Amino acid sequence: MAEKNTVDKSLDLKNEVCPYTFVKSKLALEELDPGQVLEVHLGNSESASNVPRSIDLEGHEVLSVDQPETSHWVVTVRRSQQ
C-alpha cells in the first residue's frame, strides 16, 4: 500500500478568519497539481468547521481534520484529479 500522505504544501492561516481562510486555502489548492496534498493550519473553530466543508463542496478530498492543541486545527486535503 502507498505511504502515508506526503504534504506538498503547508499553509499557516492561524491568524486569519472566515472567509479568508477558505479563499486562501482554495487559491493554494489551485497552485497544486491534481493529487497533491495541502496542509492548512487554522486558529479558530469556525474556520475549522467551514474550511473542510467548503473544500469538500469544491470536489477536493478532505483527508483529516486534527486539533493538536487548543486553538490550532490542521486540515489535510488532497487536490481533486480534475
PDB file of N, CA and C in Angstrom:
ATOM      1  N   MET A   1       0.845  -1.188   0.000  1.00  0.00           N
ATOM      2  CA  MET A   1       0.000   0.000   0.000  1.00  0.00           C
ATOM      3  C   MET A   1       0.888   1.248   0.000  1.00  0.00           C
ATOM      4  N   ALA A   2       0.344   2.351  -0.466  1.00  0.00           N
ATOM      5  CA  ALA A   2       1.092   3.606  -0.564  1.00  0.00           C
ATOM      6  C   ALA A   2       1.465   4.138   0.811  1.00  0.00           C
ATOM      7  N   GLU A   3       2.518   4.955   0.811  1.00  0.00           N
ATOM      8  CA  GLU A   3       2.944   5.591   2.057  1.00  0.00           C
ATOM      9  C   GLU A   3       1.869   6.540   2.567  1.00  0.00           C
ATOM     10  N   LYS A   4       2.026   6.925   3.822  1.00  0.00           N
ATOM     11  CA  LYS A   4       1.131   7.935   4.380  1.00  0.00           C
ATOM     12  C   LYS A   4       1.238   9.198   3.518  1.00  0.00           C
ATOM     13  N   ASN A   5       0.167   9.941   3.431  1.00  0.00           N
ATOM     14  CA  ASN A   5       0.113  11.116   2.556  1.00  0.00           C
ATOM     15  C   ASN A   5       1.240  12.094   2.857  1.00  0.00           C
ATOM     16  N   THR A   6       2.018  12.379   1.834  1.00  0.00           N
ATOM     17  CA  THR A   6       3.084  13.353   1.928  1.00  0.00           C
ATOM     18  C   THR A   6       2.488  14.731   1.670  1.00  0.00           C
ATOM     19  N   VAL A   7       2.825  15.679   2.511  1.00  0.00           N
ATOM     20  CA  VAL A   7       2.316  17.045   2.350  1.00  0.00           C
ATOM     21  C   VAL A   7       3.186  17.767   1.331  1.00  0.00           C
ATOM     22  N   ASP A   8       2.544  18.291   0.297  1.00  0.00           N
ATOM     23  CA  ASP A   8       3.259  19.008  -0.759  1.00  0.00           C
ATOM     24  C   ASP A   8       3.366  20.504  -0.472  1.00  0.00           C
ATOM     25  N   LYS A   9       2.410  21.031   0.295  1.00  0.00           N
ATOM     26  CA  LYS A   9       2.419  22.457   0.643  1.00  0.00           C
ATOM     27  C   LYS A   9       1.728  22.630   1.981  1.00  0.00           C
ATOM     28  N   SER A  10       2.260  23.530   2.797  1.00  0.00           N
ATOM     29  CA  SER A  10       1.669  23.833   4.092  1.00  0.00           C
ATOM     30  C   SER A  10       1.310  25.315   4.124  1.00  0.00           C
ATOM     31  N   LEU A  11       0.158  25.617   4.713  1.00  0.00           N
ATOM     32  CA  LEU A  11      -0.357  26.984   4.734  1.00  0.00           C
ATOM     33  C   LEU A  11      -0.725  27.347   6.171  1.00  0.00           C
ATOM     34  N   ASP A  12      -0.125  28.401   6.703  1.00  0.00           N
ATOM     35  CA  ASP A  12      -0.408  28.839   8.074  1.00  0.00           C
ATOM     36  C   ASP A  12      -1.423  29.977   8.043  1.00  0.00           C
ATOM     37  N   LEU A  13      -2.663  29.655   8.406  1.00  0.00           N
ATOM     38  CA  LEU A  13      -3.740  30.651   8.435  1.00  0.00           C
ATOM     39  C   LEU A  13      -4.295  30.818   9.847  1.00  0.00           C
ATOM     40  N   LYS A  14      -3.468  30.545  10.853  1.00  0.00           N
ATOM     41  CA  LYS A  14      -3.939  30.601  12.247  1.00  0.00           C
ATOM     42  C   LYS A  14      -4.409  31.996  12.652  1.00  0.00           C
ATOM     43  N   ASN A  15      -3.887  33.024  12.000  1.00  0.00           N
ATOM     44  CA  ASN A  15      -4.274  34.394  12.356  1.00  0.00           C
ATOM     45  C   ASN A  15      -5.326  34.978  11.417  1.00  0.00           C
ATOM     46  N   GLU A  16      -5.900  34.137  10.558  1.00  0.00           N
ATOM     47  CA  GLU A  16      -6.925  34.565   9.605  1.00  0.00           C
ATOM     48  C   GLU A  16      -8.303  34.103  10.073  1.00  0.00           C
ATOM     49  N   VAL A  17      -9.348  34.729   9.535  1.00  0.00           N
ATOM     50  CA  VAL A  17     -10.733  34.350   9.844  1.00  0.00           C
ATOM     51  C   VAL A  17     -11.492  34.100   8.541  1.00  0.00           C
ATOM     52  N   CYS A  18     -12.653  33.492   8.669  1.00  0.00           N
ATOM     53  CA  CYS A  18     -13.526  33.259   7.511  1.00  0.00           C
ATOM     54  C   CYS A  18     -13.989  34.611   6.973  1.00  0.00           C
ATOM     55  N   PRO A  19     -14.137  34.758   5.698  1.00  0.00           N
ATOM     56  CA  PRO A  19     -13.975  33.765   4.627  1.00  0.00           C
ATOM     57  C   PRO A  19     -12.557  33.686   4.085  1.00  0.00           C
ATOM     58  N   TYR A  20     -11.625  34.462   4.633  1.00  0.00           N
ATOM     59  CA  TYR A  20     -10.260  34.478   4.098  1.00  0.00           C
ATOM     60  C   TYR A  20      -9.590  33.116   4.204  1.00  0.00           C
ATOM     61  N   THR A  21      -9.895  32.366   5.256  1.00  0.00           N
ATOM     62  CA  THR A  21      -9.274  31.056   5.412  1.00  0.00           C
ATOM     63  C   THR A  21      -9.643  30.139   4.245  1.00  0.00           C
ATOM     64  N   PHE A  22     -10.904  30.165   3.840  1.00  0.00           N
ATOM     65  CA  PHE A  22     -11.313  29.321   2.713  1.00  0.00           C
ATOM     66  C   PHE A  22     -10.735  29.847   1.404  1.00  0.00           C
ATOM     67  N   VAL A  23     -10.818  31.146   1.181  1.00  0.00           N
ATOM     68  CA  VAL A  23     -10.327  31.726  -0.073  1.00  0.00           C
ATOM     69  C   VAL A  23      -8.839  31.421  -0.253  1.00  0.00           C
ATOM     70  N   LYS A  24      -8.046  31.606   0.781  1.00  0.00           N
ATOM     71  CA  LYS A  24      -6.609  31.356   0.680  1.00  0.00           C
ATOM     72  C   LYS A  24      -6.322  29.865   0.525  1.00  0.00           C
ATOM     73  N   SER A  25      -7.114  29.021   1.172  1.00  0.00           N
ATOM     74  CA  SER A  25      -6.955  27.573   1.012  1.00  0.00           C
ATOM     75  C   SER A  25      -7.271  27.154  -0.416  1.00  0.00           C
ATOM     76  N   LYS A  26      -8.348  27.702  -0.963  1.00  0.00           N
ATOM     77  CA  LYS A  26      -8.750  27.381  -2.337  1.00  0.00           C
ATOM     78  C   LYS A  26      -7.674  27.812  -3.328  1.00  0.00           C
ATOM     79  N   LEU A  27      -7.136  29.012  -3.153  1.00  0.00           N
ATOM     80  CA  LEU A  27      -6.085  29.500  -4.043  1.00  0.00           C
ATOM     81  C   LEU A  27      -4.835  28.621  -3.955  1.00  0.00           C
ATOM     82  N   ALA A  28      -4.488  28.182  -2.749  1.00  0.00           N
ATOM     83  CA  ALA A  28      -3.318  27.307  -2.579  1.00  0.00           C
ATOM     84  C   ALA A  28      -3.546  25.967  -3.264  1.00  0.00           C
ATOM     85  N   LEU A  29      -4.759  25.430  -3.178  1.00  0.00           N
ATOM     86  CA  LEU A  29      -5.077  24.171  -3.854  1.00  0.00           C
ATOM     87  C   LEU A  29      -4.953  24.312  -5.367  1.00  0.00           C
ATOM     88  N   GLU A  30      -5.350  25.453  -5.893  1.00  0.00           N
ATOM     89  CA  GLU A  30      -5.273  25.683  -7.336  1.00  0.00           C
ATOM     90  C   GLU A  30      -3.833  25.702  -7.835  1.00  0.00           C
ATOM     91  N   GLU A  31      -2.887  26.002  -6.965  1.00  0.00           N
ATOM     92  CA  GLU A  31      -1.473  26.016  -7.343  1.00  0.00           C
ATOM     93  C   GLU A  31      -0.870  24.618  -7.369  1.00  0.00           C
ATOM     94  N   LEU A  32      -1.546  23.658  -6.747  1.00  0.00           N
ATOM     95  CA  LEU A  32      -1.042  22.289  -6.691  1.00  0.00           C
ATOM     96  C   LEU A  32      -1.474  21.492  -7.912  1.00  0.00           C
ATOM     97  N   ASP A  33      -0.743  20.439  -8.195  1.00  0.00           N
ATOM     98  CA  ASP A  33      -1.139  19.507  -9.245  1.00  0.00           C
ATOM     99  C   ASP A  33      -2.200  18.568  -8.687  1.00  0.00           C
ATOM    100  N   PRO A  34      -3.048  18.013  -9.553  1.00  0.00           N
ATOM    101  CA  PRO A  34      -4.046  17.044  -9.090  1.00  0.00           C
ATOM    102  C   PRO A  34      -3.382  15.915  -8.302  1.00  0.00           C
ATOM    103  N   GLY A  35      -3.977  15.572  -7.168  1.00  0.00           N
ATOM    104  CA  GLY A  35      -3.454  14.502  -6.323  1.00  0.00           C
ATOM    105  C   GLY A  35      -2.478  14.953  -5.264  1.00  0.00           C
ATOM    106  N   GLN A  36      -1.966  16.184  -5.362  1.00  0.00           N
ATOM    107  CA  GLN A  36      -1.053  16.676  -4.343  1.00  0.00           C
ATOM    108  C   GLN A  36      -1.823  17.035  -3.071  1.00  0.00           C
ATOM    109  N   VAL A  37      -1.091  17.131  -1.958  1.00  0.00           N
ATOM    110  CA  VAL A  37      -1.702  17.313  -0.640  1.00  0.00           C
ATOM    111  C   VAL A  37      -1.333  18.670  -0.039  1.00  0.00           C
ATOM    112  N   LEU A  38      -2.364  19.348   0.468  1.00  0.00           N
ATOM    113  CA  LEU A  38      -2.213  20.638   1.147  1.00  0.00           C
ATOM    114  C   LEU A  38      -2.550  20.466   2.618  1.00  0.00           C
ATOM    115  N   GLU A  39      -1.719  21.041   3.468  1.00  0.00           N
ATOM    116  CA  GLU A  39      -1.961  21.046   4.904  1.00  0.00           C
ATOM    117  C   GLU A  39      -2.244  22.489   5.307  1.00  0.00           C
ATOM    118  N   VAL A  40      -3.414  22.722   5.913  1.00  0.00           N
ATOM    119  CA  VAL A  40      -3.826  24.069   6.303  1.00  0.00           C
ATOM    120  C   VAL A  40      -3.912  24.145   7.825  1.00  0.00           C
ATOM    121  N   HIS A  41      -3.202  25.106   8.409  1.00  0.00           N
ATOM    122  CA  HIS A  41      -3.236  25.318   9.857  1.00  0.00           C
ATOM    123  C   HIS A  41      -4.191  26.471  10.149  1.00  0.00           C
ATOM    124  N   LEU A  42      -5.187  26.197  10.987  1.00  0.00           N
ATOM    125  CA  LEU A  42      -6.235  27.172  11.311  1.00  0.00           C
ATOM    126  C   LEU A  42      -6.243  27.462  12.801  1.00  0.00           C
ATOM    127  N   GLY A  43      -6.730  28.665  13.164  1.00  0.00           N
ATOM    128  CA  GLY A  43      -6.670  29.085  14.562  1.00  0.00           C
ATOM    129  C   GLY A  43      -8.003  29.328  15.232  1.00  0.00           C
ATOM    130  N   ASN A  44      -9.118  28.947  14.582  1.00  0.00           N
ATOM    131  CA  ASN A  44     -10.409  29.138  15.243  1.00  0.00           C
ATOM    132  C   ASN A  44     -11.391  28.056  14.798  1.00  0.00           C
ATOM    133  N   SER A  45     -12.346  27.758  15.650  1.00  0.00           N
ATOM    134  CA  SER A  45     -13.267  26.648  15.397  1.00  0.00           C
ATOM    135  C   SER A  45     -14.196  26.901  14.212  1.00  0.00           C
ATOM    136  N   GLU A  46     -14.541  28.156  13.959  1.00  0.00           N
ATOM    137  CA  GLU A  46     -15.400  28.458  12.816  1.00  0.00           C
ATOM    138  C   GLU A  46     -14.704  28.070  11.512  1.00  0.00           C
ATOM    139  N   SER A  47     -13.458  28.469  11.366  1.00  0.00           N
ATOM    140  CA  SER A  47     -12.694  28.098  10.174  1.00  0.00           C
ATOM    141  C   SER A  47     -12.488  26.593  10.106  1.00  0.00           C
ATOM    142  N   ALA A  48     -12.224  25.966  11.249  1.00  0.00           N
ATOM    143  CA  ALA A  48     -12.001  24.523  11.289  1.00  0.00           C
ATOM    144  C   ALA A  48     -13.241  23.753  10.856  1.00  0.00           C
ATOM    145  N   SER A  49     -14.390  24.353  11.000  1.00  0.00           N
ATOM    146  CA  SER A  49     -15.641  23.740  10.554  1.00  0.00           C
ATOM    147  C   SER A  49     -15.935  24.089   9.093  1.00  0.00           C
ATOM    148  N   ASN A  50     -15.788  25.354   8.747  1.00  0.00           N
ATOM    149  CA  ASN A  50     -16.164  25.832   7.411  1.00  0.00           C
ATOM    150  C   ASN A  50     -15.197  25.437   6.298  1.00  0.00           C
ATOM    151  N   VAL A  51     -13.911  25.498   6.560  1.00  0.00           N
ATOM    152  CA  VAL A  51     -12.936  25.222   5.502  1.00  0.00           C
ATOM    153  C   VAL A  51     -13.062  23.794   4.972  1.00  0.00           C
ATOM    154  N   PRO A  52     -13.066  22.772   5.827  1.00  0.00           N
ATOM    155  CA  PRO A  52     -13.202  21.412   5.276  1.00  0.00           C
ATOM    156  C   PRO A  52     -14.516  21.209   4.518  1.00  0.00           C
ATOM    157  N   ARG A  53     -15.599  21.759   5.035  1.00  0.00           N
ATOM    158  CA  ARG A  53     -16.903  21.608   4.366  1.00  0.00           C
ATOM    159  C   ARG A  53     -16.872  22.271   2.987  1.00  0.00           C
ATOM    160  N   SER A  54     -16.330  23.482   2.905  1.00  0.00           N
ATOM    161  CA  SER A  54     -16.278  24.204   1.635  1.00  0.00           C
ATOM    162  C   SER A  54     -15.329  23.537   0.646  1.00  0.00           C
ATOM    163  N   ILE A  55     -14.210  23.052   1.132  1.00  0.00           N
ATOM    164  CA  ILE A  55     -13.253  22.357   0.258  1.00  0.00           C
ATOM    165  C   ILE A  55     -13.880  21.083  -0.299  1.00  0.00           C
ATOM    166  N   ASP A  56     -14.612  20.367   0.538  1.00  0.00           N
ATOM    167  CA  ASP A  56     -15.310  19.154   0.093  1.00  0.00           C
ATOM    168  C   ASP A  56     -16.330  19.500  -0.997  1.00  0.00           C
ATOM    169  N   LEU A  57     -17.060  20.583  -0.818  1.00  0.00           N
ATOM    170  CA  LEU A  57     -18.044  21.005  -1.821  1.00  0.00           C
ATOM    171  C   LEU A  57     -17.379  21.392  -3.142  1.00  0.00           C
ATOM    172  N   GLU A  58     -16.120  21.806  -3.076  1.00  0.00           N
ATOM    173  CA  GLU A  58     -15.371  22.147  -4.288  1.00  0.00           C
ATOM    174  C   GLU A  58     -14.895  20.885  -5.016  1.00  0.00           C
ATOM    175  N   GLY A  59     -15.067  19.720  -4.389  1.00  0.00           N
ATOM    176  CA  GLY A  59     -14.698  18.464  -5.038  1.00  0.00           C
ATOM    177  C   GLY A  59     -13.353  17.887  -4.616  1.00  0.00           C
ATOM    178  N   HIS A  60     -12.708  18.507  -3.649  1.00  0.00           N
ATOM    179  CA  HIS A  60     -11.426  18.004  -3.167  1.00  0.00           C
ATOM    180  C   HIS A  60     -11.671  17.008  -2.036  1.00  0.00           C
ATOM    181  N   GLU A  61     -10.655  16.209  -1.711  1.00  0.00           N
ATOM    182  CA  GLU A  61     -10.789  15.172  -0.686  1.00  0.00           C
ATOM    183  C   GLU A  61     -10.173  15.641   0.628  1.00  0.00           C
ATOM    184  N   VAL A  62     -11.002  15.806   1.642  1.00  0.00           N
ATOM    185  CA  VAL A  62     -10.506  16.154   2.974  1.00  0.00           C
ATOM    186  C   VAL A  62     -10.010  14.855   3.610  1.00  0.00           C
ATOM    187  N   LEU A  63      -8.704  14.785   3.831  1.00  0.00           N
ATOM    188  CA  LEU A  63      -8.101  13.571   4.366  1.00  0.00           C
ATOM    189  C   LEU A  63      -8.198  13.500   5.886  1.00  0.00           C
ATOM    190  N   SER A  64      -8.075  14.654   6.539  1.00  0.00           N
ATOM    191  CA  SER A  64      -8.164  14.666   8.000  1.00  0.00           C
ATOM    192  C   SER A  64      -8.371  16.081   8.517  1.00  0.00           C
ATOM    193  N   VAL A  65      -8.958  16.148   9.692  1.00  0.00           N
ATOM    194  CA  VAL A  65      -9.079  17.397  10.452  1.00  0.00           C
ATOM    195  C   VAL A  65      -8.651  17.044  11.873  1.00  0.00           C
ATOM    196  N   ASP A  66      -7.529  17.583  12.297  1.00  0.00           N
ATOM    197  CA  ASP A  66      -6.985  17.278  13.620  1.00  0.00           C
ATOM    198  C   ASP A  66      -6.862  18.555  14.430  1.00  0.00           C
ATOM    199  N   GLN A  67      -6.918  18.393  15.745  1.00  0.00           N
ATOM    200  CA  GLN A  67      -6.716  19.530  16.645  1.00  0.00           C
ATOM    201  C   GLN A  67      -5.571  19.165  17.590  1.00  0.00           C
ATOM    202  N   PRO A  68      -4.326  19.479  17.190  1.00  0.00           N
ATOM    203  CA  PRO A  68      -3.181  19.095  18.014  1.00  0.00           C
ATOM    204  C   PRO A  68      -3.067  19.866  19.322  1.00  0.00           C
ATOM    205  N   GLU A  69      -3.680  21.039  19.395  1.00  0.00           N
ATOM    206  CA  GLU A  69      -3.668  21.825  20.633  1.00  0.00           C
ATOM    207  C   GLU A  69      -4.823  22.811  20.607  1.00  0.00           C
ATOM    208  N   THR A  70      -5.079  23.436  21.726  1.00  0.00           N
ATOM    209  CA  THR A  70      -6.148  24.419  21.820  1.00  0.00           C
ATOM    210  C   THR A  70      -5.922  25.530  20.788  1.00  0.00           C
ATOM    211  N   SER A  71      -6.980  25.908  20.089  1.00  0.00           N
ATOM    212  CA  SER A  71      -6.942  26.977  19.085  1.00  0.00           C
ATOM    213  C   SER A  71      -5.970  26.693  17.940  1.00  0.00           C
ATOM    214  N   HIS A  72      -5.822  25.414  17.596  1.00  0.00           N
ATOM    215  CA  HIS A  72      -4.989  25.044  16.448  1.00  0.00           C
ATOM    216  C   HIS A  72      -5.568  23.779  15.811  1.00  0.00           C
ATOM    217  N   TRP A  73      -6.027  23.926  14.582  1.00  0.00           N
ATOM    218  CA  TRP A  73      -6.555  22.808  13.816  1.00  0.00           C
ATOM    219  C   TRP A  73      -5.689  22.639  12.575  1.00  0.00           C
ATOM    220  N   VAL A  74      -5.541  21.388  12.145  1.00  0.00           N
ATOM    221  CA  VAL A  74      -4.789  21.077  10.932  1.00  0.00           C
ATOM    222  C   VAL A  74      -5.712  20.307   9.995  1.00  0.00           C
ATOM    223  N   VAL A  75      -5.970  20.887   8.834  1.00  0.00           N
ATOM    224  CA  VAL A  75      -6.820  20.268   7.818  1.00  0.00           C
ATOM    225  C   VAL A  75      -5.902  19.800   6.690  1.00  0.00           C
ATOM    226  N   THR A  76      -6.000  18.521   6.360  1.00  0.00           N
ATOM    227  CA  THR A  76      -5.186  17.956   5.290  1.00  0.00           C
ATOM    228  C   THR A  76      -6.105  17.592   4.127  1.00  0.00           C
ATOM    229  N   VAL A  77      -5.750  18.076   2.930  1.00  0.00           N
ATOM    230  CA  VAL A  77      -6.621  17.967   1.763  1.00  0.00           C
ATOM    231  C   VAL A  77      -5.833  17.476   0.558  1.00  0.00           C
ATOM    232  N   ARG A  78      -6.432  16.564  -0.213  1.00  0.00           N
ATOM    233  CA  ARG A  78      -5.857  16.150  -1.485  1.00  0.00           C
ATOM    234  C   ARG A  78      -6.610  16.859  -2.603  1.00  0.00           C
ATOM    235  N   ARG A  79      -5.842  17.515  -3.501  1.00  0.00           N
ATOM    236  CA  ARG A  79      -6.474  18.209  -4.618  1.00  0.00           C
ATOM    237  C   ARG A  79      -7.160  17.192  -5.534  1.00  0.00           C
ATOM    238  N   SER A  80      -8.316  17.569  -6.025  1.00  0.00           N
ATOM    239  CA  SER A  80      -9.073  16.678  -6.898  1.00  0.00           C
ATOM    240  C   SER A  80      -8.308  16.411  -8.188  1.00  0.00           C
ATOM    241  N   GLN A  81      -8.664  15.343  -8.853  1.00  0.00           N
ATOM    242  CA  GLN A  81      -7.990  14.947 -10.092  1.00  0.00           C
ATOM    243  C   GLN A  81      -8.426  15.796 -11.277  1.00  0.00           C
ATOM    244  N   GLN A  82      -9.404  16.657 -11.077  1.00  0.00           N
ATOM    245  CA  GLN A  82      -9.921  17.479 -12.181  1.00  0.00           C
ATOM    246  C   GLN A  82      -9.232  18.823 -12.250  1.00  0.00           C
TER     247      GLN A  82
END
